[in-house]
Amino acid sequence: MSIVQTGSFLTLHYRLAGPQGDIINTFTDKPATLSLGSGELSPAMEERLMGLAEGTHTTFELPAGEAFGDRNPEMAQWVARKLLNQLGDPMEKYAAGDVVQFPTPDGLGSYAGTVLEVNAEGAVLFDFNHPLAGQPVTFEVRLIGVL
């Protein structure tokens, strides 16, 4: 039976939930595959997986801020409508709660921001914190395969 260690390649079902409920839940769909240490999970969650045996099904409760850090008020930033038009559809309407993907500066990845507010000029206040930053997190996992 394989044991999770640094660099392990995992096939698993997992669920991340905060006080308002599930953020990610693969139990109702196909399992996820990831490489431990690649940054796909937070270091706190990866630490919980270390030493677990293939076939394990368990749940961890992580205290507020441990899984995704504390909320950083500086991560709430206004983005001008002109820039949003350049990055996406100029006809796009934004509303509080919408999650918008932005390209990384190198163009190779993306990151998300949640709309907090739209002003009269069309500028949008985005929160670029992880949705679970500063919150307690439930991390449920079922390890299907460990390589």
N, C-alpha and C. Protein backbone atom coordinates (compact mmCIF):
# COMPACT_ATOMS: atom_id res chain seq x y z
N MET A 1 0.85 -1.18 0.00
CA MET A 1 0.00 0.00 0.00
C MET A 1 0.89 1.24 0.00
N SER A 2 0.58 2.19 -0.86
CA SER A 2 1.40 3.40 -1.00
C SER A 2 1.01 4.43 0.04
N ILE A 3 2.02 5.20 0.47
CA ILE A 3 1.87 6.25 1.47
C ILE A 3 2.21 7.59 0.83
N VAL A 4 1.46 8.64 1.17
CA VAL A 4 1.70 9.98 0.63
C VAL A 4 3.01 10.53 1.20
N GLN A 5 3.86 11.01 0.28
CA GLN A 5 5.11 11.65 0.67
C GLN A 5 5.38 12.80 -0.29
N THR A 6 6.38 13.59 0.00
CA THR A 6 6.73 14.72 -0.86
C THR A 6 6.92 14.24 -2.29
N GLY A 7 6.28 14.91 -3.24
CA GLY A 7 6.39 14.56 -4.65
C GLY A 7 5.43 13.49 -5.11
N SER A 8 4.60 12.95 -4.22
CA SER A 8 3.63 11.91 -4.61
C SER A 8 2.65 12.46 -5.65
N PHE A 9 2.27 11.59 -6.54
CA PHE A 9 1.23 11.89 -7.52
C PHE A 9 -0.05 11.26 -6.98
N LEU A 10 -1.10 12.06 -6.79
CA LEU A 10 -2.32 11.59 -6.13
C LEU A 10 -3.53 11.62 -7.04
N THR A 11 -4.36 10.60 -6.90
CA THR A 11 -5.71 10.62 -7.45
C THR A 11 -6.62 10.58 -6.23
N LEU A 12 -7.51 11.56 -6.13
CA LEU A 12 -8.31 11.69 -4.93
C LEU A 12 -9.61 12.42 -5.18
N HIS A 13 -10.54 12.19 -4.29
CA HIS A 13 -11.71 13.04 -4.19
C HIS A 13 -11.44 13.96 -3.02
N TYR A 14 -11.83 15.24 -3.14
CA TYR A 14 -11.70 16.13 -2.00
C TYR A 14 -12.79 17.19 -2.00
N ARG A 15 -13.01 17.71 -0.81
CA ARG A 15 -14.03 18.74 -0.61
C ARG A 15 -13.43 19.80 0.29
N LEU A 16 -13.55 21.05 -0.13
CA LEU A 16 -13.15 22.20 0.68
C LEU A 16 -14.41 22.99 0.99
N ALA A 17 -14.61 23.25 2.27
CA ALA A 17 -15.79 24.01 2.67
C ALA A 17 -15.41 25.02 3.74
N GLY A 18 -16.07 26.15 3.67
CA GLY A 18 -15.95 27.17 4.69
C GLY A 18 -17.26 27.27 5.43
N PRO A 19 -17.43 28.29 6.25
CA PRO A 19 -18.66 28.45 7.02
C PRO A 19 -19.92 28.55 6.15
N GLN A 20 -19.78 29.04 4.91
CA GLN A 20 -20.94 29.18 4.02
C GLN A 20 -21.18 27.94 3.16
N GLY A 21 -20.36 26.89 3.33
CA GLY A 21 -20.57 25.66 2.56
C GLY A 21 -19.42 25.36 1.62
N ASP A 22 -19.67 24.43 0.70
CA ASP A 22 -18.64 23.93 -0.21
C ASP A 22 -18.15 24.99 -1.18
N ILE A 23 -16.82 24.98 -1.38
CA ILE A 23 -16.19 25.78 -2.41
C ILE A 23 -15.81 24.86 -3.57
N ILE A 24 -15.25 23.71 -3.23
CA ILE A 24 -14.89 22.68 -4.22
C ILE A 24 -15.35 21.35 -3.66
N ASN A 25 -15.96 20.52 -4.51
CA ASN A 25 -16.35 19.18 -4.10
C ASN A 25 -16.27 18.26 -5.31
N THR A 26 -15.27 17.36 -5.33
CA THR A 26 -15.11 16.43 -6.46
C THR A 26 -15.82 15.10 -6.21
N PHE A 27 -16.41 14.92 -5.03
CA PHE A 27 -17.05 13.64 -4.70
C PHE A 27 -18.23 13.33 -5.62
N THR A 28 -18.84 14.33 -6.20
CA THR A 28 -20.00 14.11 -7.07
C THR A 28 -19.62 14.00 -8.54
N ASP A 29 -18.33 14.08 -8.84
CA ASP A 29 -17.86 14.05 -10.22
C ASP A 29 -16.64 13.14 -10.29
N LYS A 30 -15.81 13.34 -11.29
CA LYS A 30 -14.60 12.53 -11.40
C LYS A 30 -13.54 13.01 -10.41
N PRO A 31 -12.67 12.12 -9.97
CA PRO A 31 -11.64 12.50 -9.00
C PRO A 31 -10.61 13.45 -9.60
N ALA A 32 -9.92 14.14 -8.72
CA ALA A 32 -8.85 15.05 -9.12
C ALA A 32 -7.53 14.29 -9.13
N THR A 33 -6.59 14.78 -9.93
CA THR A 33 -5.22 14.27 -9.90
C THR A 33 -4.31 15.46 -9.69
N LEU A 34 -3.32 15.27 -8.84
CA LEU A 34 -2.38 16.36 -8.58
C LEU A 34 -1.06 15.80 -8.08
N SER A 35 -0.06 16.64 -8.15
CA SER A 35 1.27 16.29 -7.68
C SER A 35 1.55 17.08 -6.41
N LEU A 36 1.83 16.36 -5.34
CA LEU A 36 2.09 17.01 -4.05
C LEU A 36 3.34 17.88 -4.16
N GLY A 37 3.24 19.12 -3.72
CA GLY A 37 4.36 20.04 -3.78
C GLY A 37 4.32 20.96 -4.98
N SER A 38 3.32 20.80 -5.85
CA SER A 38 3.24 21.62 -7.06
C SER A 38 2.44 22.90 -6.85
N GLY A 39 1.88 23.09 -5.65
CA GLY A 39 1.12 24.30 -5.36
C GLY A 39 -0.35 24.20 -5.68
N GLU A 40 -0.83 23.03 -6.05
CA GLU A 40 -2.25 22.88 -6.36
C GLU A 40 -3.11 22.91 -5.10
N LEU A 41 -2.53 22.52 -3.97
CA LEU A 41 -3.19 22.62 -2.67
C LEU A 41 -2.34 23.52 -1.80
N SER A 42 -2.96 24.12 -0.79
CA SER A 42 -2.18 24.97 0.11
C SER A 42 -1.22 24.09 0.93
N PRO A 43 -0.09 24.67 1.36
CA PRO A 43 0.86 23.90 2.17
C PRO A 43 0.21 23.26 3.41
N ALA A 44 -0.73 23.95 4.04
CA ALA A 44 -1.40 23.39 5.23
C ALA A 44 -2.18 22.12 4.87
N MET A 45 -2.82 22.10 3.71
CA MET A 45 -3.57 20.91 3.30
C MET A 45 -2.62 19.80 2.90
N GLU A 46 -1.55 20.14 2.18
CA GLU A 46 -0.57 19.12 1.79
C GLU A 46 0.05 18.47 3.04
N GLU A 47 0.31 19.28 4.06
CA GLU A 47 0.89 18.76 5.30
C GLU A 47 -0.04 17.71 5.92
N ARG A 48 -1.36 17.94 5.85
CA ARG A 48 -2.32 16.99 6.42
C ARG A 48 -2.32 15.66 5.65
N LEU A 49 -1.97 15.70 4.37
CA LEU A 49 -1.98 14.49 3.55
C LEU A 49 -0.73 13.61 3.77
N MET A 50 0.35 14.23 4.19
CA MET A 50 1.61 13.49 4.36
C MET A 50 1.43 12.30 5.30
N GLY A 51 1.89 11.15 4.85
CA GLY A 51 1.85 9.94 5.66
C GLY A 51 0.56 9.15 5.58
N LEU A 52 -0.46 9.68 4.88
CA LEU A 52 -1.71 8.94 4.75
C LEU A 52 -1.54 7.81 3.74
N ALA A 53 -2.24 6.72 3.98
CA ALA A 53 -2.17 5.55 3.10
C ALA A 53 -3.24 5.64 2.01
N GLU A 54 -2.91 5.06 0.86
CA GLU A 54 -3.87 4.93 -0.23
C GLU A 54 -5.14 4.27 0.33
N GLY A 55 -6.31 4.80 -0.05
CA GLY A 55 -7.58 4.27 0.43
C GLY A 55 -8.14 5.01 1.63
N THR A 56 -7.34 5.88 2.25
CA THR A 56 -7.79 6.64 3.41
C THR A 56 -8.91 7.60 3.03
N HIS A 57 -9.93 7.68 3.89
CA HIS A 57 -11.00 8.67 3.75
C HIS A 57 -11.10 9.36 5.10
N THR A 58 -10.78 10.66 5.14
CA THR A 58 -10.74 11.39 6.40
C THR A 58 -11.12 12.85 6.19
N THR A 59 -11.39 13.52 7.30
CA THR A 59 -11.74 14.93 7.27
C THR A 59 -10.88 15.69 8.27
N PHE A 60 -10.37 16.84 7.84
CA PHE A 60 -9.56 17.71 8.70
C PHE A 60 -10.27 19.03 8.89
N GLU A 61 -10.19 19.58 10.07
CA GLU A 61 -10.71 20.92 10.35
C GLU A 61 -9.50 21.83 10.53
N LEU A 62 -9.35 22.81 9.64
CA LEU A 62 -8.24 23.75 9.72
C LEU A 62 -8.75 25.07 10.31
N PRO A 63 -8.06 25.61 11.31
CA PRO A 63 -8.52 26.86 11.93
C PRO A 63 -8.45 28.05 10.97
N ALA A 64 -9.18 29.09 11.30
CA ALA A 64 -9.25 30.30 10.47
C ALA A 64 -7.85 30.78 10.10
N GLY A 65 -7.66 31.02 8.82
CA GLY A 65 -6.40 31.58 8.32
C GLY A 65 -5.32 30.56 8.02
N GLU A 66 -5.42 29.33 8.51
CA GLU A 66 -4.34 28.37 8.30
C GLU A 66 -4.28 27.85 6.86
N ALA A 67 -5.42 27.56 6.27
CA ALA A 67 -5.43 26.98 4.93
C ALA A 67 -5.05 27.98 3.84
N PHE A 68 -5.58 29.21 3.92
CA PHE A 68 -5.37 30.18 2.85
C PHE A 68 -4.94 31.55 3.36
N GLY A 69 -4.41 31.58 4.57
CA GLY A 69 -3.92 32.83 5.15
C GLY A 69 -5.05 33.72 5.63
N ASP A 70 -4.66 34.82 6.23
CA ASP A 70 -5.62 35.80 6.70
C ASP A 70 -6.08 36.68 5.54
N ARG A 71 -7.24 37.28 5.68
CA ARG A 71 -7.71 38.23 4.67
C ARG A 71 -6.79 39.45 4.68
N ASN A 72 -6.41 39.89 3.51
CA ASN A 72 -5.55 41.06 3.37
C ASN A 72 -6.38 42.17 2.73
N PRO A 73 -6.67 43.24 3.47
CA PRO A 73 -7.50 44.31 2.92
C PRO A 73 -6.89 44.97 1.68
N GLU A 74 -5.58 44.89 1.52
CA GLU A 74 -4.93 45.47 0.34
C GLU A 74 -5.21 44.66 -0.93
N MET A 75 -5.77 43.46 -0.77
CA MET A 75 -6.11 42.63 -1.94
C MET A 75 -7.46 43.03 -2.54
N ALA A 76 -8.14 44.01 -1.96
CA ALA A 76 -9.35 44.58 -2.55
C ALA A 76 -8.90 45.80 -3.34
N GLN A 77 -9.08 45.75 -4.68
CA GLN A 77 -8.57 46.81 -5.54
C GLN A 77 -9.57 47.18 -6.62
N TRP A 78 -9.59 48.47 -6.92
CA TRP A 78 -10.43 48.98 -8.01
C TRP A 78 -9.74 48.71 -9.34
N VAL A 79 -10.50 48.27 -10.32
CA VAL A 79 -10.01 48.07 -11.68
C VAL A 79 -10.85 48.93 -12.61
N ALA A 80 -10.18 49.77 -13.38
CA ALA A 80 -10.88 50.70 -14.29
C ALA A 80 -11.61 49.94 -15.40
N ARG A 81 -12.75 50.50 -15.79
CA ARG A 81 -13.55 49.87 -16.86
C ARG A 81 -12.74 49.74 -18.14
N LYS A 82 -11.89 50.72 -18.43
CA LYS A 82 -11.07 50.68 -19.65
C LYS A 82 -10.19 49.42 -19.67
N LEU A 83 -9.58 49.10 -18.53
CA LEU A 83 -8.74 47.90 -18.46
C LEU A 83 -9.58 46.64 -18.59
N LEU A 84 -10.73 46.61 -17.95
CA LEU A 84 -11.61 45.44 -18.06
C LEU A 84 -12.04 45.22 -19.51
N ASN A 85 -12.31 46.31 -20.22
CA ASN A 85 -12.68 46.20 -21.64
C ASN A 85 -11.55 45.61 -22.46
N GLN A 86 -10.31 46.00 -22.16
CA GLN A 86 -9.16 45.47 -22.89
C GLN A 86 -8.94 43.98 -22.61
N LEU A 87 -9.24 43.56 -21.38
CA LEU A 87 -9.00 42.17 -20.99
C LEU A 87 -10.13 41.23 -21.36
N GLY A 88 -11.30 41.76 -21.62
CA GLY A 88 -12.45 40.88 -21.88
C GLY A 88 -13.48 41.52 -22.78
N ASP A 89 -14.72 41.16 -22.57
CA ASP A 89 -15.84 41.63 -23.38
C ASP A 89 -16.26 43.03 -22.91
N PRO A 90 -16.17 44.05 -23.78
CA PRO A 90 -16.55 45.41 -23.39
C PRO A 90 -18.02 45.53 -22.99
N MET A 91 -18.85 44.58 -23.38
CA MET A 91 -20.27 44.61 -23.05
C MET A 91 -20.57 43.89 -21.72
N GLU A 92 -19.57 43.31 -21.12
CA GLU A 92 -19.77 42.54 -19.88
C GLU A 92 -20.34 43.42 -18.77
N LYS A 93 -21.34 42.90 -18.09
CA LYS A 93 -21.93 43.57 -16.93
C LYS A 93 -21.44 42.84 -15.68
N TYR A 94 -21.00 43.58 -14.68
CA TYR A 94 -20.48 43.00 -13.45
C TYR A 94 -21.42 43.27 -12.31
N ALA A 95 -21.57 42.28 -11.44
CA ALA A 95 -22.43 42.42 -10.26
C ALA A 95 -21.72 41.81 -9.05
N ALA A 96 -22.04 42.33 -7.88
CA ALA A 96 -21.43 41.82 -6.65
C ALA A 96 -21.59 40.30 -6.58
N GLY A 97 -20.49 39.64 -6.24
CA GLY A 97 -20.48 38.18 -6.14
C GLY A 97 -19.94 37.48 -7.37
N ASP A 98 -19.89 38.16 -8.52
CA ASP A 98 -19.33 37.55 -9.73
C ASP A 98 -17.85 37.24 -9.51
N VAL A 99 -17.40 36.13 -10.05
CA VAL A 99 -15.98 35.78 -10.00
C VAL A 99 -15.43 35.92 -11.42
N VAL A 100 -14.36 36.70 -11.57
CA VAL A 100 -13.78 37.02 -12.87
C VAL A 100 -12.35 36.52 -12.92
N GLN A 101 -11.99 35.87 -14.01
CA GLN A 101 -10.62 35.39 -14.22
C GLN A 101 -9.79 36.45 -14.92
N PHE A 102 -8.58 36.66 -14.43
CA PHE A 102 -7.64 37.61 -15.02
C PHE A 102 -6.38 36.85 -15.44
N PRO A 103 -5.76 37.24 -16.56
CA PRO A 103 -4.51 36.59 -16.95
C PRO A 103 -3.35 37.06 -16.07
N THR A 104 -2.42 36.16 -15.79
CA THR A 104 -1.21 36.56 -15.08
C THR A 104 -0.37 37.42 -16.02
N PRO A 105 0.54 38.24 -15.48
CA PRO A 105 1.35 39.11 -16.34
C PRO A 105 2.11 38.35 -17.44
N ASP A 106 2.52 37.11 -17.16
CA ASP A 106 3.26 36.35 -18.18
C ASP A 106 2.34 35.67 -19.19
N GLY A 107 1.01 35.76 -18.95
CA GLY A 107 0.04 35.19 -19.87
C GLY A 107 -0.08 33.68 -19.80
N LEU A 108 0.63 33.03 -18.89
CA LEU A 108 0.63 31.58 -18.82
C LEU A 108 -0.39 31.01 -17.85
N GLY A 109 -0.95 31.85 -17.02
CA GLY A 109 -1.91 31.37 -16.03
C GLY A 109 -3.01 32.38 -15.82
N SER A 110 -3.76 32.18 -14.75
CA SER A 110 -4.82 33.13 -14.43
C SER A 110 -5.02 33.16 -12.92
N TYR A 111 -5.72 34.18 -12.48
CA TYR A 111 -6.10 34.31 -11.08
C TYR A 111 -7.49 34.92 -11.06
N ALA A 112 -8.19 34.74 -9.95
CA ALA A 112 -9.58 35.17 -9.88
C ALA A 112 -9.76 36.33 -8.91
N GLY A 113 -10.76 37.13 -9.20
CA GLY A 113 -11.18 38.20 -8.31
C GLY A 113 -12.69 38.16 -8.18
N THR A 114 -13.18 38.44 -6.99
CA THR A 114 -14.62 38.46 -6.75
C THR A 114 -15.10 39.91 -6.72
N VAL A 115 -16.14 40.21 -7.47
CA VAL A 115 -16.68 41.57 -7.54
C VAL A 115 -17.33 41.91 -6.19
N LEU A 116 -16.89 43.05 -5.63
CA LEU A 116 -17.49 43.56 -4.40
C LEU A 116 -18.45 44.70 -4.68
N GLU A 117 -18.08 45.53 -5.69
CA GLU A 117 -18.86 46.76 -5.93
C GLU A 117 -18.55 47.27 -7.33
N VAL A 118 -19.53 47.96 -7.94
CA VAL A 118 -19.33 48.64 -9.23
C VAL A 118 -19.74 50.09 -9.01
N ASN A 119 -18.86 51.04 -9.42
CA ASN A 119 -19.21 52.45 -9.21
C ASN A 119 -19.90 53.03 -10.46
N ALA A 120 -20.30 54.28 -10.37
CA ALA A 120 -21.06 54.93 -11.44
C ALA A 120 -20.28 55.02 -12.75
N GLU A 121 -18.95 55.08 -12.67
CA GLU A 121 -18.12 55.16 -13.89
C GLU A 121 -17.85 53.78 -14.47
N GLY A 122 -18.32 52.74 -13.82
CA GLY A 122 -18.12 51.38 -14.32
C GLY A 122 -16.88 50.69 -13.78
N ALA A 123 -16.08 51.39 -12.97
CA ALA A 123 -14.93 50.75 -12.33
C ALA A 123 -15.46 49.69 -11.37
N VAL A 124 -14.68 48.63 -11.19
CA VAL A 124 -15.13 47.51 -10.38
C VAL A 124 -14.14 47.27 -9.24
N LEU A 125 -14.68 47.13 -8.02
CA LEU A 125 -13.86 46.78 -6.87
C LEU A 125 -13.84 45.26 -6.76
N PHE A 126 -12.63 44.68 -6.91
CA PHE A 126 -12.44 43.24 -6.84
C PHE A 126 -11.73 42.86 -5.55
N ASP A 127 -12.10 41.72 -5.02
CA ASP A 127 -11.38 41.12 -3.89
C ASP A 127 -10.56 39.97 -4.46
N PHE A 128 -9.24 40.10 -4.40
CA PHE A 128 -8.34 39.09 -4.94
C PHE A 128 -7.87 38.10 -3.87
N ASN A 129 -8.41 38.19 -2.65
CA ASN A 129 -8.14 37.18 -1.64
C ASN A 129 -8.78 35.86 -2.06
N HIS A 130 -8.22 34.74 -1.60
CA HIS A 130 -8.88 33.45 -1.80
C HIS A 130 -10.23 33.52 -1.08
N PRO A 131 -11.28 32.91 -1.64
CA PRO A 131 -12.60 32.98 -0.99
C PRO A 131 -12.61 32.45 0.45
N LEU A 132 -11.67 31.58 0.79
CA LEU A 132 -11.63 31.02 2.14
C LEU A 132 -10.54 31.65 3.02
N ALA A 133 -9.91 32.72 2.55
CA ALA A 133 -8.89 33.39 3.37
C ALA A 133 -9.53 33.90 4.66
N GLY A 134 -8.84 33.66 5.77
CA GLY A 134 -9.31 34.14 7.06
C GLY A 134 -10.46 33.36 7.65
N GLN A 135 -10.82 32.24 7.04
CA GLN A 135 -11.95 31.45 7.51
C GLN A 135 -11.50 30.05 7.92
N PRO A 136 -12.24 29.41 8.83
CA PRO A 136 -11.95 28.00 9.11
C PRO A 136 -12.35 27.18 7.89
N VAL A 137 -11.62 26.10 7.64
CA VAL A 137 -11.84 25.29 6.45
C VAL A 137 -11.99 23.82 6.84
N THR A 138 -12.98 23.17 6.25
CA THR A 138 -13.12 21.73 6.35
C THR A 138 -12.52 21.13 5.09
N PHE A 139 -11.60 20.19 5.26
CA PHE A 139 -10.91 19.55 4.15
C PHE A 139 -11.16 18.05 4.26
N GLU A 140 -12.03 17.53 3.40
CA GLU A 140 -12.34 16.10 3.37
C GLU A 140 -11.62 15.49 2.18
N VAL A 141 -11.03 14.34 2.37
CA VAL A 141 -10.26 13.71 1.30
C VAL A 141 -10.44 12.20 1.33
N ARG A 142 -10.52 11.61 0.12
CA ARG A 142 -10.48 10.15 -0.04
C ARG A 142 -9.40 9.86 -1.05
N LEU A 143 -8.32 9.25 -0.59
CA LEU A 143 -7.17 8.94 -1.45
C LEU A 143 -7.46 7.67 -2.25
N ILE A 144 -7.58 7.82 -3.56
CA ILE A 144 -7.88 6.69 -4.44
C ILE A 144 -6.57 6.01 -4.86
N GLY A 145 -5.58 6.83 -5.23
CA GLY A 145 -4.29 6.29 -5.67
C GLY A 145 -3.15 7.18 -5.28
N VAL A 146 -2.03 6.55 -4.95
CA VAL A 146 -0.81 7.28 -4.57
C VAL A 146 0.34 6.66 -5.35
N LEU A 147 1.02 7.46 -6.15
CA LEU A 147 2.20 7.00 -6.90
C LEU A 147 3.41 7.77 -6.47
